Amino acid sequence: MTTANNVIHELVNQHCEEIPKGSKALIIPSIESNLSQLHEWEAPLDYSKISKTYSFKNYHQTIAFVNAVTWISNREDHHPEVCFGYNQCTVTLTTHNAKGLTMNDMIMAAKIDALLD
């Protein structure tokens, strides 16, 4: 298994933790390091969130994906912004209590990607 696959495997097998209000967000080098392992997730210049757009063949596949993301986010108690249309879905992750990104966002990104593996 490659290093990237090892990192993804580790993230997928972790669980989100409660983040108390006022917690510190990840620092930029840590965010960049994690993003380099996550396929096609992007962050804006302020690194306050990450997002990815997924494309699907039809509406039914899109809705199935949205429902799966909903199930995972409820199980992990970390809820992304999900916007979808006929054949695409954009997922945006951030941790409001830290006013930025935390490991919970990286864990969720890996788990969401794993839905399509």
Protein backbone atom coordinates (compact mmCIF):
# COMPACT_ATOMS: atom_id res chain seq x y z
CA MET A 1 0.00 0.00 0.00
CA THR A 2 1.34 3.45 -0.87
CA THR A 3 1.82 6.18 1.71
CA ALA A 4 -1.24 8.06 0.39
CA ASN A 5 -3.32 4.89 0.67
CA ASN A 6 -2.04 4.36 4.22
CA VAL A 7 -3.08 7.89 5.23
CA ILE A 8 -6.51 7.50 3.65
CA HIS A 9 -6.96 4.09 5.30
CA GLU A 10 -6.06 5.60 8.68
CA LEU A 11 -8.50 8.50 8.21
CA VAL A 12 -11.35 6.20 7.12
CA ASN A 13 -10.85 4.08 10.25
CA GLN A 14 -10.92 7.03 12.65
CA HIS A 15 -14.03 8.63 14.09
CA CYS A 16 -14.89 12.28 14.54
CA GLU A 17 -14.49 13.64 18.05
CA GLU A 18 -16.45 16.33 19.79
CA ILE A 19 -14.81 19.69 19.18
CA PRO A 20 -15.50 22.16 22.01
CA LYS A 21 -16.39 25.72 21.04
CA GLY A 22 -13.27 27.85 20.80
CA SER A 23 -11.00 24.95 19.82
CA LYS A 24 -8.09 25.70 17.52
CA ALA A 25 -8.32 24.88 13.83
CA LEU A 26 -5.58 22.96 12.03
CA ILE A 27 -2.60 24.99 10.88
CA ILE A 28 -2.07 25.47 7.14
CA PRO A 29 0.84 23.00 6.74
CA SER A 30 -1.27 20.27 8.37
CA ILE A 31 -4.23 21.10 6.12
CA GLU A 32 -2.02 21.03 3.02
CA SER A 33 -0.46 17.74 4.07
CA ASN A 34 -3.88 16.13 4.50
CA LEU A 35 -5.27 17.66 1.30
CA SER A 36 -2.35 16.22 -0.66
CA GLN A 37 -3.64 12.77 0.33
CA LEU A 38 -7.32 13.49 -0.38
CA HIS A 39 -8.23 13.26 -4.06
CA GLU A 40 -9.60 16.53 -5.56
CA TRP A 41 -10.63 18.19 -2.28
CA GLU A 42 -9.94 21.93 -2.45
CA ALA A 43 -9.58 24.73 0.07
CA PRO A 44 -10.03 28.47 -0.47
CA LEU A 45 -7.10 30.79 0.22
CA ASP A 46 -8.13 31.24 3.86
CA TYR A 47 -8.24 27.43 4.45
CA SER A 48 -11.52 27.80 6.36
CA LYS A 49 -13.21 24.86 4.63
CA ILE A 50 -12.69 22.14 2.05
CA SER A 51 -15.02 21.12 -0.74
CA LYS A 52 -15.35 18.64 -3.55
CA THR A 53 -17.85 18.19 -6.38
CA TYR A 54 -18.84 14.67 -7.36
CA SER A 55 -20.40 13.83 -10.73
CA PHE A 56 -22.94 11.08 -11.33
CA LYS A 57 -24.68 9.40 -14.23
CA ASN A 58 -28.20 10.40 -13.17
CA TYR A 59 -30.41 11.79 -10.41
CA HIS A 60 -30.90 8.41 -8.71
CA GLN A 61 -27.15 7.94 -8.26
CA THR A 62 -26.84 11.49 -6.96
CA ILE A 63 -29.60 10.99 -4.38
CA ALA A 64 -28.15 7.64 -3.30
CA PHE A 65 -24.83 9.40 -2.69
CA VAL A 66 -26.51 12.26 -0.77
CA ASN A 67 -28.33 9.71 1.42
CA ALA A 68 -25.09 7.84 2.11
CA VAL A 69 -23.31 11.09 3.04
CA THR A 70 -26.22 11.91 5.36
CA TRP A 71 -25.96 8.52 7.04
CA ILE A 72 -22.21 8.82 7.60
CA SER A 73 -22.45 12.42 8.85
CA ASN A 74 -25.12 11.48 11.38
CA ARG A 75 -23.11 8.48 12.57
CA GLU A 76 -19.99 10.66 12.95
CA ASP A 77 -21.96 13.66 14.30
CA HIS A 78 -20.13 15.93 11.85
CA HIS A 79 -22.44 17.47 9.29
CA PRO A 80 -21.27 18.89 5.96
CA GLU A 81 -23.02 21.33 3.68
CA VAL A 82 -24.42 19.28 0.80
CA CYS A 83 -25.67 20.93 -2.39
CA PHE A 84 -26.87 18.78 -5.26
CA GLY A 85 -28.56 18.83 -8.65
CA TYR A 86 -29.49 16.28 -11.28
CA ASN A 87 -26.08 14.65 -11.71
CA GLN A 88 -23.70 16.38 -9.31
CA CYS A 89 -23.19 16.98 -5.61
CA THR A 90 -20.86 19.41 -3.86
CA VAL A 91 -19.84 18.61 -0.29
CA THR A 92 -18.28 21.32 1.89
CA LEU A 93 -16.70 20.58 5.26
CA THR A 94 -15.70 22.88 8.09
CA THR A 95 -15.78 22.77 11.89
CA HIS A 96 -17.85 25.67 13.18
CA ASN A 97 -16.67 25.33 16.79
CA ALA A 98 -13.06 25.80 15.63
CA LYS A 99 -13.96 28.40 12.98
CA GLY A 100 -11.93 26.41 10.47
CA LEU A 101 -10.74 22.93 9.63
CA THR A 102 -10.06 20.12 12.08
CA MET A 103 -9.15 16.45 11.73
CA ASN A 104 -12.90 15.77 11.77
CA ASP A 105 -13.12 17.39 8.34
CA MET A 106 -10.27 15.28 6.99
CA ILE A 107 -11.83 12.12 8.44
CA MET A 108 -15.18 12.94 6.87
CA ALA A 109 -13.60 13.73 3.49
CA ALA A 110 -11.89 10.33 3.47
CA LYS A 111 -15.08 8.54 4.54
CA ILE A 112 -17.13 10.31 1.88
CA ASP A 113 -14.58 9.44 -0.81
CA ALA A 114 -14.63 5.82 0.37
CA LEU A 115 -18.32 5.63 -0.53
CA LEU A 116 -17.30 5.57 -4.19
CA ASP A 117 -14.35 3.15 -3.94
